[in-house]
């Protein structure tokens, strides 16, 4: 009987050092405006769960969507212009 063994090391939590690198932290910091805008949109959408959205809710959701799009556009423009390290 032949034994079958993996040719690669197992990826486990023990094999990771658990700390993000400086590059990871920089990426998170760069994307933080998009993350905040998406959380704001999610909050606006959650408020309307279980009930019909009124005009104020719809306006809040539209504004939050525009903020998400603006934040994504800004991040994309930075990446496209080479401003991202």
PDB file of N, CA and C in Angstrom:
ATOM      1  N   UNK A   1       0.831  -1.169   0.000  1.00  0.00           N
ATOM      2  CA  UNK A   1       0.000   0.000   0.000  1.00  0.00           C
ATOM      3  C   UNK A   1       0.886   1.247   0.000  1.00  0.00           C
ATOM      4  N   UNK A   2       0.582   2.176  -0.892  1.00  0.00           N
ATOM      5  CA  UNK A   2       1.351   3.412  -0.969  1.00  0.00           C
ATOM      6  C   UNK A   2       0.705   4.476  -0.099  1.00  0.00           C
ATOM      7  N   UNK A   3       1.541   5.260   0.523  1.00  0.00           N
ATOM      8  CA  UNK A   3       1.045   6.379   1.331  1.00  0.00           C
ATOM      9  C   UNK A   3       1.017   7.639   0.471  1.00  0.00           C
ATOM     10  N   UNK A   4      -0.060   8.345   0.548  1.00  0.00           N
ATOM     11  CA  UNK A   4      -0.181   9.586  -0.199  1.00  0.00           C
ATOM     12  C   UNK A   4       0.069  10.738   0.768  1.00  0.00           C
ATOM     13  N   UNK A   5       1.019  11.573   0.438  1.00  0.00           N
ATOM     14  CA  UNK A   5       1.360  12.702   1.309  1.00  0.00           C
ATOM     15  C   UNK A   5       1.275  13.992   0.505  1.00  0.00           C
ATOM     16  N   UNK A   6       0.936  15.051   1.189  1.00  0.00           N
ATOM     17  CA  UNK A   6       0.873  16.356   0.534  1.00  0.00           C
ATOM     18  C   UNK A   6       2.283  16.824   0.201  1.00  0.00           C
ATOM     19  N   UNK A   7       2.411  17.435  -0.950  1.00  0.00           N
ATOM     20  CA  UNK A   7       3.717  17.935  -1.365  1.00  0.00           C
ATOM     21  C   UNK A   7       3.997  19.332  -0.824  1.00  0.00           C
ATOM     22  N   UNK A   8       2.959  19.978  -0.339  1.00  0.00           N
ATOM     23  CA  UNK A   8       3.120  21.324   0.192  1.00  0.00           C
ATOM     24  C   UNK A   8       2.848  21.320   1.688  1.00  0.00           C
ATOM     25  N   UNK A   9       3.383  22.336   2.362  1.00  0.00           N
ATOM     26  CA  UNK A   9       3.119  22.474   3.788  1.00  0.00           C
ATOM     27  C   UNK A   9       1.655  22.825   4.002  1.00  0.00           C
ATOM     28  N   UNK A  10       1.122  22.376   5.111  1.00  0.00           N
ATOM     29  CA  UNK A  10      -0.238  22.727   5.464  1.00  0.00           C
ATOM     30  C   UNK A  10      -0.301  24.199   5.861  1.00  0.00           C
ATOM     31  N   UNK A  11      -1.389  24.825   5.504  1.00  0.00           N
ATOM     32  CA  UNK A  11      -1.588  26.213   5.895  1.00  0.00           C
ATOM     33  C   UNK A  11      -2.471  26.205   7.123  1.00  0.00           C
ATOM     34  N   UNK A  12      -1.882  26.559   8.236  1.00  0.00           N
ATOM     35  CA  UNK A  12      -2.629  26.589   9.489  1.00  0.00           C
ATOM     36  C   UNK A  12      -2.401  27.913  10.180  1.00  0.00           C
ATOM     37  N   UNK A  13      -3.195  28.170  11.179  1.00  0.00           N
ATOM     38  CA  UNK A  13      -3.036  29.401  11.951  1.00  0.00           C
ATOM     39  C   UNK A  13      -1.672  29.432  12.634  1.00  0.00           C
ATOM     40  N   UNK A  14      -1.140  28.282  12.980  1.00  0.00           N
ATOM     41  CA  UNK A  14       0.152  28.235  13.651  1.00  0.00           C
ATOM     42  C   UNK A  14       1.280  28.663  12.718  1.00  0.00           C
ATOM     43  N   UNK A  15       1.091  28.487  11.404  1.00  0.00           N
ATOM     44  CA  UNK A  15       2.150  28.849  10.472  1.00  0.00           C
ATOM     45  C   UNK A  15       2.177  30.341  10.172  1.00  0.00           C
ATOM     46  N   UNK A  16       1.145  31.052  10.584  1.00  0.00           N
ATOM     47  CA  UNK A  16       1.101  32.495  10.365  1.00  0.00           C
ATOM     48  C   UNK A  16       1.565  33.208  11.620  1.00  0.00           C
ATOM     49  N   UNK A  17       2.202  34.351  11.441  1.00  0.00           N
ATOM     50  CA  UNK A  17       2.677  35.078  12.618  1.00  0.00           C
ATOM     51  C   UNK A  17       1.564  35.856  13.311  1.00  0.00           C
ATOM     52  N   UNK A  18       0.400  36.024  12.661  1.00  0.00           N
ATOM     53  CA  UNK A  18      -0.745  36.656  13.295  1.00  0.00           C
ATOM     54  C   UNK A  18      -0.763  38.164  13.235  1.00  0.00           C
ATOM     55  N   UNK A  19       0.295  38.778  12.844  1.00  0.00           N
ATOM     56  CA  UNK A  19       0.364  40.237  12.776  1.00  0.00           C
ATOM     57  C   UNK A  19       0.369  40.680  11.320  1.00  0.00           C
ATOM     58  N   UNK A  20      -0.417  41.717  10.996  1.00  0.00           N
ATOM     59  CA  UNK A  20      -0.379  42.232   9.628  1.00  0.00           C
ATOM     60  C   UNK A  20       0.938  42.967   9.374  1.00  0.00           C
ATOM     61  N   UNK A  21       1.374  42.896   8.157  1.00  0.00           N
ATOM     62  CA  UNK A  21       2.611  43.587   7.797  1.00  0.00           C
ATOM     63  C   UNK A  21       2.330  45.086   7.638  1.00  0.00           C
ATOM     64  N   UNK A  22       3.373  45.857   7.517  1.00  0.00           N
ATOM     65  CA  UNK A  22       3.212  47.294   7.298  1.00  0.00           C
ATOM     66  C   UNK A  22       2.483  47.561   5.986  1.00  0.00           C
ATOM     67  N   UNK A  23       2.754  46.748   4.971  1.00  0.00           N
ATOM     68  CA  UNK A  23       2.075  46.904   3.684  1.00  0.00           C
ATOM     69  C   UNK A  23       0.578  46.622   3.826  1.00  0.00           C
ATOM     70  N   UNK A  24       0.234  45.611   4.631  1.00  0.00           N
ATOM     71  CA  UNK A  24      -1.182  45.311   4.879  1.00  0.00           C
ATOM     72  C   UNK A  24      -1.869  46.478   5.570  1.00  0.00           C
ATOM     73  N   UNK A  25      -1.218  47.025   6.575  1.00  0.00           N
ATOM     74  CA  UNK A  25      -1.793  48.155   7.308  1.00  0.00           C
ATOM     75  C   UNK A  25      -1.941  49.382   6.412  1.00  0.00           C
ATOM     76  N   UNK A  26      -0.973  49.612   5.540  1.00  0.00           N
ATOM     77  CA  UNK A  26      -1.067  50.735   4.601  1.00  0.00           C
ATOM     78  C   UNK A  26      -2.236  50.546   3.638  1.00  0.00           C
ATOM     79  N   UNK A  27      -2.436  49.319   3.166  1.00  0.00           N
ATOM     80  CA  UNK A  27      -3.553  49.037   2.264  1.00  0.00           C
ATOM     81  C   UNK A  27      -4.892  49.262   2.952  1.00  0.00           C
ATOM     82  N   UNK A  28      -4.987  48.823   4.191  1.00  0.00           N
ATOM     83  CA  UNK A  28      -6.222  49.019   4.947  1.00  0.00           C
ATOM     84  C   UNK A  28      -6.486  50.502   5.150  1.00  0.00           C
ATOM     85  N   UNK A  29      -5.463  51.235   5.499  1.00  0.00           N
ATOM     86  CA  UNK A  29      -5.602  52.680   5.711  1.00  0.00           C
ATOM     87  C   UNK A  29      -6.032  53.386   4.421  1.00  0.00           C
ATOM     88  N   UNK A  30      -5.496  52.952   3.313  1.00  0.00           N
ATOM     89  CA  UNK A  30      -5.852  53.538   2.026  1.00  0.00           C
ATOM     90  C   UNK A  30      -7.307  53.259   1.668  1.00  0.00           C
ATOM     91  N   UNK A  31      -7.792  52.073   2.017  1.00  0.00           N
ATOM     92  CA  UNK A  31      -9.158  51.680   1.690  1.00  0.00           C
ATOM     93  C   UNK A  31     -10.176  52.086   2.752  1.00  0.00           C
ATOM     94  N   UNK A  32      -9.748  52.694   3.841  1.00  0.00           N
ATOM     95  CA  UNK A  32     -10.647  53.019   4.944  1.00  0.00           C
ATOM     96  C   UNK A  32     -11.815  53.925   4.543  1.00  0.00           C
ATOM     97  N   UNK A  33     -11.651  54.939   3.689  1.00  0.00           N
ATOM     98  CA  UNK A  33     -12.818  55.723   3.278  1.00  0.00           C
ATOM     99  C   UNK A  33     -13.896  54.879   2.583  1.00  0.00           C
ATOM    100  N   UNK A  34     -13.476  53.915   1.785  1.00  0.00           N
ATOM    101  CA  UNK A  34     -14.440  53.026   1.120  1.00  0.00           C
ATOM    102  C   UNK A  34     -15.130  52.143   2.153  1.00  0.00           C
ATOM    103  N   UNK A  35     -14.380  51.632   3.097  1.00  0.00           N
ATOM    104  CA  UNK A  35     -14.943  50.774   4.133  1.00  0.00           C
ATOM    105  C   UNK A  35     -15.969  51.552   4.958  1.00  0.00           C
ATOM    106  N   UNK A  36     -15.621  52.772   5.352  1.00  0.00           N
ATOM    107  CA  UNK A  36     -16.553  53.590   6.141  1.00  0.00           C
ATOM    108  C   UNK A  36     -17.826  53.893   5.355  1.00  0.00           C
ATOM    109  N   UNK A  37     -17.686  54.209   4.078  1.00  0.00           N
ATOM    110  CA  UNK A  37     -18.850  54.511   3.245  1.00  0.00           C
ATOM    111  C   UNK A  37     -19.739  53.277   3.090  1.00  0.00           C
ATOM    112  N   UNK A  38     -19.130  52.110   2.934  1.00  0.00           N
ATOM    113  CA  UNK A  38     -19.918  50.881   2.805  1.00  0.00           C
ATOM    114  C   UNK A  38     -20.644  50.538   4.106  1.00  0.00           C
ATOM    115  N   UNK A  39     -20.005  50.799   5.239  1.00  0.00           N
ATOM    116  CA  UNK A  39     -20.657  50.570   6.532  1.00  0.00           C
ATOM    117  C   UNK A  39     -21.833  51.521   6.699  1.00  0.00           C
ATOM    118  N   UNK A  40     -21.656  52.764   6.291  1.00  0.00           N
ATOM    119  CA  UNK A  40     -22.744  53.739   6.369  1.00  0.00           C
ATOM    120  C   UNK A  40     -23.932  53.310   5.494  1.00  0.00           C
ATOM    121  N   UNK A  41     -23.644  52.813   4.302  1.00  0.00           N
ATOM    122  CA  UNK A  41     -24.711  52.308   3.425  1.00  0.00           C
ATOM    123  C   UNK A  41     -25.408  51.117   4.063  1.00  0.00           C
ATOM    124  N   UNK A  42     -24.637  50.211   4.622  1.00  0.00           N
ATOM    125  CA  UNK A  42     -25.219  49.043   5.277  1.00  0.00           C
ATOM    126  C   UNK A  42     -26.100  49.468   6.454  1.00  0.00           C
ATOM    127  N   UNK A  43     -25.652  50.434   7.234  1.00  0.00           N
ATOM    128  CA  UNK A  43     -26.464  50.943   8.344  1.00  0.00           C
ATOM    129  C   UNK A  43     -27.783  51.518   7.843  1.00  0.00           C
ATOM    130  N   UNK A  44     -27.723  52.279   6.762  1.00  0.00           N
ATOM    131  CA  UNK A  44     -28.943  52.868   6.202  1.00  0.00           C
ATOM    132  C   UNK A  44     -29.893  51.780   5.708  1.00  0.00           C
ATOM    133  N   UNK A  45     -29.356  50.734   5.121  1.00  0.00           N
ATOM    134  CA  UNK A  45     -30.192  49.641   4.632  1.00  0.00           C
ATOM    135  C   UNK A  45     -30.768  48.830   5.785  1.00  0.00           C
ATOM    136  N   UNK A  46     -29.997  48.638   6.833  1.00  0.00           N
ATOM    137  CA  UNK A  46     -30.469  47.873   7.987  1.00  0.00           C
ATOM    138  C   UNK A  46     -31.632  48.587   8.667  1.00  0.00           C
ATOM    139  N   UNK A  47     -31.594  49.912   8.693  1.00  0.00           N
ATOM    140  CA  UNK A  47     -32.673  50.663   9.334  1.00  0.00           C
ATOM    141  C   UNK A  47     -34.026  50.416   8.679  1.00  0.00           C
ATOM    142  N   UNK A  48     -34.021  50.033   7.422  1.00  0.00           N
ATOM    143  CA  UNK A  48     -35.287  49.834   6.717  1.00  0.00           C
ATOM    144  C   UNK A  48     -35.767  48.390   6.746  1.00  0.00           C
ATOM    145  N   UNK A  49     -34.999  47.501   7.360  1.00  0.00           N
ATOM    146  CA  UNK A  49     -35.430  46.110   7.441  1.00  0.00           C
ATOM    147  C   UNK A  49     -36.667  46.004   8.323  1.00  0.00           C
ATOM    148  N   UNK A  50     -37.583  45.214   7.898  1.00  0.00           N
ATOM    149  CA  UNK A  50     -38.775  44.978   8.690  1.00  0.00           C
ATOM    150  C   UNK A  50     -39.856  46.032   8.546  1.00  0.00           C
ATOM    151  N   UNK A  51     -39.594  47.026   7.743  1.00  0.00           N
ATOM    152  CA  UNK A  51     -40.612  48.053   7.504  1.00  0.00           C
ATOM    153  C   UNK A  51     -40.389  48.647   6.124  1.00  0.00           C
ATOM    154  N   UNK A  52     -41.388  49.307   5.645  1.00  0.00           N
ATOM    155  CA  UNK A  52     -41.284  49.940   4.336  1.00  0.00           C
ATOM    156  C   UNK A  52     -40.471  51.224   4.469  1.00  0.00           C
ATOM    157  N   UNK A  53     -39.586  51.439   3.529  1.00  0.00           N
ATOM    158  CA  UNK A  53     -38.744  52.635   3.565  1.00  0.00           C
ATOM    159  C   UNK A  53     -39.572  53.863   3.217  1.00  0.00           C
ATOM    160  N   UNK A  54     -39.408  54.904   4.032  1.00  0.00           N
ATOM    161  CA  UNK A  54     -40.094  56.155   3.724  1.00  0.00           C
ATOM    162  C   UNK A  54     -39.166  57.046   2.899  1.00  0.00           C
ATOM    163  N   UNK A  55     -39.615  58.242   2.602  1.00  0.00           N
ATOM    164  CA  UNK A  55     -38.838  59.135   1.741  1.00  0.00           C
ATOM    165  C   UNK A  55     -37.487  59.486   2.360  1.00  0.00           C
ATOM    166  N   UNK A  56     -37.458  59.710   3.651  1.00  0.00           N
ATOM    167  CA  UNK A  56     -36.204  60.032   4.326  1.00  0.00           C
ATOM    168  C   UNK A  56     -35.227  58.856   4.257  1.00  0.00           C
ATOM    169  N   UNK A  57     -35.726  57.643   4.448  1.00  0.00           N
ATOM    170  CA  UNK A  57     -34.875  56.455   4.346  1.00  0.00           C
ATOM    171  C   UNK A  57     -34.298  56.306   2.942  1.00  0.00           C
ATOM    172  N   UNK A  58     -35.134  56.513   1.938  1.00  0.00           N
ATOM    173  CA  UNK A  58     -34.668  56.397   0.555  1.00  0.00           C
ATOM    174  C   UNK A  58     -33.595  57.435   0.245  1.00  0.00           C
ATOM    175  N   UNK A  59     -33.794  58.636   0.759  1.00  0.00           N
ATOM    176  CA  UNK A  59     -32.796  59.687   0.556  1.00  0.00           C
ATOM    177  C   UNK A  59     -31.480  59.328   1.248  1.00  0.00           C
ATOM    178  N   UNK A  60     -31.581  58.805   2.457  1.00  0.00           N
ATOM    179  CA  UNK A  60     -30.386  58.414   3.215  1.00  0.00           C
ATOM    180  C   UNK A  60     -29.629  57.310   2.473  1.00  0.00           C
ATOM    181  N   UNK A  61     -30.352  56.345   1.921  1.00  0.00           N
ATOM    182  CA  UNK A  61     -29.712  55.254   1.184  1.00  0.00           C
ATOM    183  C   UNK A  61     -29.071  55.771  -0.101  1.00  0.00           C
ATOM    184  N   UNK A  62     -29.762  56.675  -0.810  1.00  0.00           N
ATOM    185  CA  UNK A  62     -29.180  57.245  -2.040  1.00  0.00           C
ATOM    186  C   UNK A  62     -27.890  57.995  -1.734  1.00  0.00           C
ATOM    187  N   UNK A  63     -27.908  58.798  -0.672  1.00  0.00           N
ATOM    188  CA  UNK A  63     -26.699  59.541  -0.295  1.00  0.00           C
ATOM    189  C   UNK A  63     -25.565  58.583   0.069  1.00  0.00           C
ATOM    190  N   UNK A  64     -25.894  57.543   0.804  1.00  0.00           N
ATOM    191  CA  UNK A  64     -24.870  56.572   1.199  1.00  0.00           C
ATOM    192  C   UNK A  64     -24.293  55.862  -0.027  1.00  0.00           C
ATOM    193  N   UNK A  65     -25.152  55.525  -0.996  1.00  0.00           N
ATOM    194  CA  UNK A  65     -24.655  54.897  -2.233  1.00  0.00           C
ATOM    195  C   UNK A  65     -23.724  55.839  -2.992  1.00  0.00           C
ATOM    196  N   UNK A  66     -24.096  57.118  -3.043  1.00  0.00           N
ATOM    197  CA  UNK A  66     -23.232  58.086  -3.730  1.00  0.00           C
ATOM    198  C   UNK A  66     -21.883  58.216  -3.023  1.00  0.00           C
ATOM    199  N   UNK A  67     -21.896  58.161  -1.689  1.00  0.00           N
ATOM    200  CA  UNK A  67     -20.628  58.231  -0.952  1.00  0.00           C
ATOM    201  C   UNK A  67     -19.756  57.014  -1.240  1.00  0.00           C
ATOM    202  N   UNK A  68     -20.373  55.849  -1.334  1.00  0.00           N
ATOM    203  CA  UNK A  68     -19.613  54.630  -1.667  1.00  0.00           C
ATOM    204  C   UNK A  68     -18.993  54.773  -3.049  1.00  0.00           C
ATOM    205  N   UNK A  69     -19.784  55.214  -4.015  1.00  0.00           N
ATOM    206  CA  UNK A  69     -19.259  55.371  -5.378  1.00  0.00           C
ATOM    207  C   UNK A  69     -18.141  56.406  -5.426  1.00  0.00           C
ATOM    208  N   UNK A  70     -18.314  57.511  -4.705  1.00  0.00           N
ATOM    209  CA  UNK A  70     -17.278  58.550  -4.690  1.00  0.00           C
ATOM    210  C   UNK A  70     -15.998  58.031  -4.043  1.00  0.00           C
ATOM    211  N   UNK A  71     -16.126  57.285  -2.955  1.00  0.00           N
ATOM    212  CA  UNK A  71     -14.942  56.744  -2.286  1.00  0.00           C
ATOM    213  C   UNK A  71     -14.239  55.723  -3.173  1.00  0.00           C
ATOM    214  N   UNK A  72     -15.011  54.887  -3.851  1.00  0.00           N
ATOM    215  CA  UNK A  72     -14.401  53.907  -4.765  1.00  0.00           C
ATOM    216  C   UNK A  72     -13.725  54.604  -5.934  1.00  0.00           C
ATOM    217  N   UNK A  73     -14.367  55.656  -6.471  1.00  0.00           N
ATOM    218  CA  UNK A  73     -13.774  56.403  -7.572  1.00  0.00           C
ATOM    219  C   UNK A  73     -12.457  57.038  -7.143  1.00  0.00           C
ATOM    220  N   UNK A  74     -12.443  57.633  -5.950  1.00  0.00           N
ATOM    221  CA  UNK A  74     -11.224  58.254  -5.436  1.00  0.00           C
ATOM    222  C   UNK A  74     -10.111  57.228  -5.265  1.00  0.00           C
ATOM    223  N   UNK A  75     -10.441  56.068  -4.731  1.00  0.00           N
ATOM    224  CA  UNK A  75      -9.443  55.020  -4.545  1.00  0.00           C
ATOM    225  C   UNK A  75      -8.921  54.535  -5.902  1.00  0.00           C
ATOM    226  N   UNK A  76      -9.798  54.357  -6.859  1.00  0.00           N
ATOM    227  CA  UNK A  76      -9.403  53.915  -8.189  1.00  0.00           C
ATOM    228  C   UNK A  76      -8.534  54.958  -8.881  1.00  0.00           C
ATOM    229  N   UNK A  77      -8.896  56.232  -8.723  1.00  0.00           N
ATOM    230  CA  UNK A  77      -8.086  57.289  -9.335  1.00  0.00           C
ATOM    231  C   UNK A  77      -6.699  57.350  -8.715  1.00  0.00           C
ATOM    232  N   UNK A  78      -6.617  57.148  -7.417  1.00  0.00           N
ATOM    233  CA  UNK A  78      -5.287  57.131  -6.765  1.00  0.00           C
ATOM    234  C   UNK A  78      -4.449  55.976  -7.300  1.00  0.00           C
ATOM    235  N   UNK A  79      -5.081  54.805  -7.427  1.00  0.00           N
ATOM    236  CA  UNK A  79      -4.360  53.642  -7.919  1.00  0.00           C
ATOM    237  C   UNK A  79      -3.940  53.832  -9.368  1.00  0.00           C
ATOM    238  N   UNK A  80      -4.801  54.469 -10.153  1.00  0.00           N
ATOM    239  CA  UNK A  80      -4.503  54.686 -11.563  1.00  0.00           C
ATOM    240  C   UNK A  80      -3.431  55.726 -11.793  1.00  0.00           C
ATOM    241  N   UNK A  81      -3.330  56.696 -10.883  1.00  0.00           N
ATOM    242  CA  UNK A  81      -2.343  57.768 -11.069  1.00  0.00           C
ATOM    243  C   UNK A  81      -0.976  57.392 -10.523  1.00  0.00           C
ATOM    244  N   UNK A  82      -0.891  56.227  -9.852  1.00  0.00           N
ATOM    245  CA  UNK A  82       0.386  55.811  -9.304  1.00  0.00           C
ATOM    246  C   UNK A  82       0.663  56.374  -7.937  1.00  0.00           C
ATOM    247  N   UNK A  83      -0.341  57.006  -7.308  1.00  0.00           N
ATOM    248  CA  UNK A  83      -0.151  57.587  -5.982  1.00  0.00           C
ATOM    249  C   UNK A  83      -0.092  56.525  -4.901  1.00  0.00           C
ATOM    250  N   UNK A  84      -0.519  55.317  -5.243  1.00  0.00           N
ATOM    251  CA  UNK A  84      -0.489  54.222  -4.273  1.00  0.00           C
ATOM    252  C   UNK A  84       0.919  53.672  -4.231  1.00  0.00           C
ATOM    253  N   UNK A  85       1.460  53.497  -3.052  1.00  0.00           N
ATOM    254  CA  UNK A  85       2.836  53.004  -2.904  1.00  0.00           C
ATOM    255  C   UNK A  85       2.904  51.514  -3.101  1.00  0.00           C
TER     256      UNK A  85
END
